[in-house]
Amino acid sequence: ILRTLALRAGRMVTKEALYQTVYGMEDAPPLSKVVEVHVCTLRKKLAAASRIGAHYIETVKRRGYRLGDPDLSGV
């Protein structure tokens, strides 16, 4: 997931595209939250790795995610 987001840094990547990248399937099963769970875990790991606890993955509501500059508003 991080690799896919990094290759498209600054651009929105759909949840479906991330699902396909990880599982190689065109369509995610209905109500599948697996991508959201993995992104949540990845966010925690990235925040822990940064000394300031920054959030690098932005959610694009109902569409996907974007990797960008850290959100420092919560720091």
N, C-alpha and C. Protein backbone atom coordinates (compact mmCIF):
# COMPACT_ATOMS: atom_id res chain seq x y z
N ILE A 1 0.84 -1.19 0.00
CA ILE A 1 0.00 0.00 0.00
C ILE A 1 0.87 1.24 0.00
N LEU A 2 1.90 1.25 0.85
CA LEU A 2 2.79 2.41 0.92
C LEU A 2 3.50 2.62 -0.42
N ARG A 3 3.94 1.55 -1.03
CA ARG A 3 4.62 1.65 -2.33
C ARG A 3 3.69 2.27 -3.37
N THR A 4 2.47 1.81 -3.43
CA THR A 4 1.51 2.34 -4.40
C THR A 4 1.24 3.81 -4.15
N LEU A 5 1.05 4.19 -2.89
CA LEU A 5 0.83 5.59 -2.56
C LEU A 5 2.07 6.43 -2.88
N ALA A 6 3.25 5.89 -2.59
CA ALA A 6 4.49 6.64 -2.84
C ALA A 6 4.72 6.86 -4.33
N LEU A 7 4.39 5.86 -5.14
CA LEU A 7 4.56 6.01 -6.59
C LEU A 7 3.63 7.06 -7.17
N ARG A 8 2.54 7.33 -6.45
CA ARG A 8 1.57 8.32 -6.90
C ARG A 8 1.45 9.47 -5.90
N ALA A 9 2.56 9.80 -5.27
CA ALA A 9 2.58 10.83 -4.23
C ALA A 9 1.93 12.12 -4.72
N GLY A 10 1.07 12.67 -3.89
CA GLY A 10 0.38 13.91 -4.22
C GLY A 10 -0.90 13.71 -5.01
N ARG A 11 -1.12 12.49 -5.50
CA ARG A 11 -2.33 12.19 -6.27
C ARG A 11 -3.19 11.20 -5.50
N MET A 12 -4.49 11.30 -5.69
CA MET A 12 -5.43 10.42 -5.01
C MET A 12 -5.38 9.03 -5.64
N VAL A 13 -5.36 8.01 -4.78
CA VAL A 13 -5.41 6.62 -5.21
C VAL A 13 -6.70 6.03 -4.62
N THR A 14 -7.53 5.43 -5.47
CA THR A 14 -8.80 4.90 -5.00
C THR A 14 -8.59 3.68 -4.11
N LYS A 15 -9.57 3.43 -3.26
CA LYS A 15 -9.53 2.24 -2.40
C LYS A 15 -9.51 0.99 -3.26
N GLU A 16 -10.23 1.01 -4.37
CA GLU A 16 -10.29 -0.13 -5.27
C GLU A 16 -8.91 -0.42 -5.87
N ALA A 17 -8.18 0.63 -6.24
CA ALA A 17 -6.84 0.45 -6.80
C ALA A 17 -5.90 -0.14 -5.76
N LEU A 18 -6.02 0.31 -4.52
CA LEU A 18 -5.19 -0.25 -3.45
C LEU A 18 -5.53 -1.71 -3.20
N TYR A 19 -6.81 -2.02 -3.21
CA TYR A 19 -7.25 -3.41 -3.02
C TYR A 19 -6.68 -4.29 -4.13
N GLN A 20 -6.76 -3.81 -5.35
CA GLN A 20 -6.26 -4.58 -6.49
C GLN A 20 -4.74 -4.77 -6.38
N THR A 21 -4.03 -3.75 -5.94
CA THR A 21 -2.58 -3.83 -5.78
C THR A 21 -2.20 -4.92 -4.77
N VAL A 22 -2.93 -4.98 -3.67
CA VAL A 22 -2.59 -5.92 -2.61
C VAL A 22 -3.07 -7.34 -2.93
N TYR A 23 -4.31 -7.45 -3.41
CA TYR A 23 -4.91 -8.77 -3.57
C TYR A 23 -5.01 -9.24 -5.02
N GLY A 24 -4.75 -8.35 -5.98
CA GLY A 24 -4.78 -8.75 -7.38
C GLY A 24 -6.17 -9.03 -7.91
N MET A 25 -7.19 -8.54 -7.23
CA MET A 25 -8.58 -8.75 -7.66
C MET A 25 -9.14 -7.41 -8.12
N GLU A 26 -9.96 -7.45 -9.16
CA GLU A 26 -10.55 -6.23 -9.70
C GLU A 26 -11.49 -5.55 -8.71
N ASP A 27 -12.38 -6.31 -8.11
CA ASP A 27 -13.40 -5.73 -7.23
C ASP A 27 -13.23 -6.22 -5.80
N ALA A 28 -13.30 -5.28 -4.88
CA ALA A 28 -13.28 -5.63 -3.47
C ALA A 28 -14.63 -6.20 -3.09
N PRO A 29 -14.65 -7.18 -2.19
CA PRO A 29 -15.94 -7.69 -1.73
C PRO A 29 -16.76 -6.56 -1.10
N PRO A 30 -18.06 -6.61 -1.21
CA PRO A 30 -18.90 -5.56 -0.60
C PRO A 30 -18.63 -5.45 0.90
N LEU A 31 -18.62 -4.23 1.38
CA LEU A 31 -18.42 -3.92 2.79
C LEU A 31 -17.01 -4.29 3.28
N SER A 32 -16.09 -4.50 2.37
CA SER A 32 -14.72 -4.84 2.76
C SER A 32 -14.03 -3.60 3.34
N LYS A 33 -13.52 -3.74 4.52
CA LYS A 33 -12.82 -2.64 5.20
C LYS A 33 -11.34 -2.93 5.30
N VAL A 34 -10.86 -3.93 4.56
CA VAL A 34 -9.48 -4.36 4.69
C VAL A 34 -8.49 -3.25 4.33
N VAL A 35 -8.77 -2.47 3.31
CA VAL A 35 -7.86 -1.38 2.93
C VAL A 35 -7.83 -0.33 4.03
N GLU A 36 -8.98 0.01 4.59
CA GLU A 36 -9.04 1.00 5.65
C GLU A 36 -8.23 0.56 6.87
N VAL A 37 -8.30 -0.73 7.20
CA VAL A 37 -7.56 -1.26 8.34
C VAL A 37 -6.06 -1.16 8.09
N HIS A 38 -5.63 -1.54 6.89
CA HIS A 38 -4.21 -1.48 6.57
C HIS A 38 -3.71 -0.03 6.53
N VAL A 39 -4.50 0.89 6.01
CA VAL A 39 -4.09 2.30 5.97
C VAL A 39 -3.99 2.85 7.39
N CYS A 40 -4.91 2.48 8.25
CA CYS A 40 -4.87 2.92 9.65
C CYS A 40 -3.58 2.43 10.32
N THR A 41 -3.24 1.18 10.11
CA THR A 41 -2.01 0.63 10.68
C THR A 41 -0.79 1.33 10.11
N LEU A 42 -0.80 1.57 8.81
CA LEU A 42 0.31 2.25 8.16
C LEU A 42 0.47 3.67 8.68
N ARG A 43 -0.63 4.37 8.89
CA ARG A 43 -0.59 5.73 9.46
C ARG A 43 0.09 5.72 10.82
N LYS A 44 -0.29 4.77 11.66
CA LYS A 44 0.30 4.67 13.01
C LYS A 44 1.79 4.42 12.94
N LYS A 45 2.21 3.55 12.03
CA LYS A 45 3.63 3.24 11.90
C LYS A 45 4.42 4.44 11.39
N LEU A 46 3.86 5.15 10.41
CA LEU A 46 4.54 6.34 9.89
C LEU A 46 4.63 7.43 10.95
N ALA A 47 3.56 7.62 11.72
CA ALA A 47 3.57 8.63 12.78
C ALA A 47 4.60 8.27 13.85
N ALA A 48 4.68 7.00 14.19
CA ALA A 48 5.65 6.57 15.20
C ALA A 48 7.08 6.73 14.70
N ALA A 49 7.29 6.55 13.40
CA ALA A 49 8.63 6.66 12.82
C ALA A 49 9.09 8.11 12.69
N SER A 50 8.12 9.03 12.57
CA SER A 50 8.50 10.44 12.49
C SER A 50 8.62 10.98 13.90
N ARG A 51 9.59 11.82 14.12
CA ARG A 51 9.81 12.33 15.48
C ARG A 51 8.71 13.26 15.95
N ILE A 52 7.94 13.80 15.01
CA ILE A 52 6.90 14.76 15.39
C ILE A 52 5.51 14.16 15.36
N GLY A 53 5.39 12.87 15.02
CA GLY A 53 4.09 12.22 14.97
C GLY A 53 3.21 12.71 13.84
N ALA A 54 3.81 13.08 12.73
CA ALA A 54 3.07 13.65 11.60
C ALA A 54 2.26 12.59 10.87
N HIS A 55 1.19 13.02 10.24
CA HIS A 55 0.34 12.14 9.43
C HIS A 55 0.58 12.45 7.96
N TYR A 56 1.04 11.44 7.23
CA TYR A 56 1.42 11.61 5.84
C TYR A 56 0.32 11.17 4.86
N ILE A 57 -0.61 10.36 5.32
CA ILE A 57 -1.66 9.84 4.43
C ILE A 57 -2.95 10.61 4.68
N GLU A 58 -3.44 11.23 3.63
CA GLU A 58 -4.67 12.02 3.69
C GLU A 58 -5.82 11.18 3.13
N THR A 59 -6.96 11.22 3.80
CA THR A 59 -8.16 10.53 3.31
C THR A 59 -8.92 11.46 2.38
N VAL A 60 -9.28 10.94 1.22
CA VAL A 60 -10.16 11.65 0.30
C VAL A 60 -11.52 10.98 0.47
N LYS A 61 -12.43 11.66 1.14
CA LYS A 61 -13.70 11.06 1.57
C LYS A 61 -14.39 10.26 0.46
N ARG A 62 -14.74 9.03 0.84
CA ARG A 62 -15.49 8.09 0.00
C ARG A 62 -14.79 7.73 -1.30
N ARG A 63 -13.53 8.10 -1.45
CA ARG A 63 -12.84 7.84 -2.72
C ARG A 63 -11.55 7.06 -2.54
N GLY A 64 -10.67 7.56 -1.67
CA GLY A 64 -9.37 6.91 -1.54
C GLY A 64 -8.44 7.66 -0.62
N TYR A 65 -7.15 7.61 -0.96
CA TYR A 65 -6.12 8.19 -0.10
C TYR A 65 -5.07 8.90 -0.94
N ARG A 66 -4.35 9.80 -0.29
CA ARG A 66 -3.28 10.55 -0.95
C ARG A 66 -2.10 10.63 0.01
N LEU A 67 -0.91 10.34 -0.50
CA LEU A 67 0.31 10.49 0.28
C LEU A 67 0.89 11.85 -0.04
N GLY A 68 1.15 12.61 0.99
CA GLY A 68 1.67 13.96 0.76
C GLY A 68 2.51 14.45 1.91
N ASP A 69 2.67 15.74 1.96
CA ASP A 69 3.40 16.36 3.06
C ASP A 69 2.64 16.08 4.35
N PRO A 70 3.35 15.98 5.46
CA PRO A 70 2.68 15.66 6.71
C PRO A 70 1.72 16.76 7.16
N ASP A 71 0.63 16.30 7.77
CA ASP A 71 -0.36 17.20 8.36
C ASP A 71 0.15 17.58 9.75
N LEU A 72 0.60 18.80 9.90
CA LEU A 72 1.17 19.23 11.17
C LEU A 72 0.16 19.96 12.05
N SER A 73 -1.10 19.99 11.64
CA SER A 73 -2.10 20.74 12.40
C SER A 73 -2.36 20.14 13.77
N GLY A 74 -2.17 18.82 13.89
CA GLY A 74 -2.44 18.17 15.17
C GLY A 74 -1.23 18.08 16.07
N VAL A 75 -0.10 18.67 15.63
CA VAL A 75 1.14 18.55 16.40
C VAL A 75 1.29 19.73 17.31
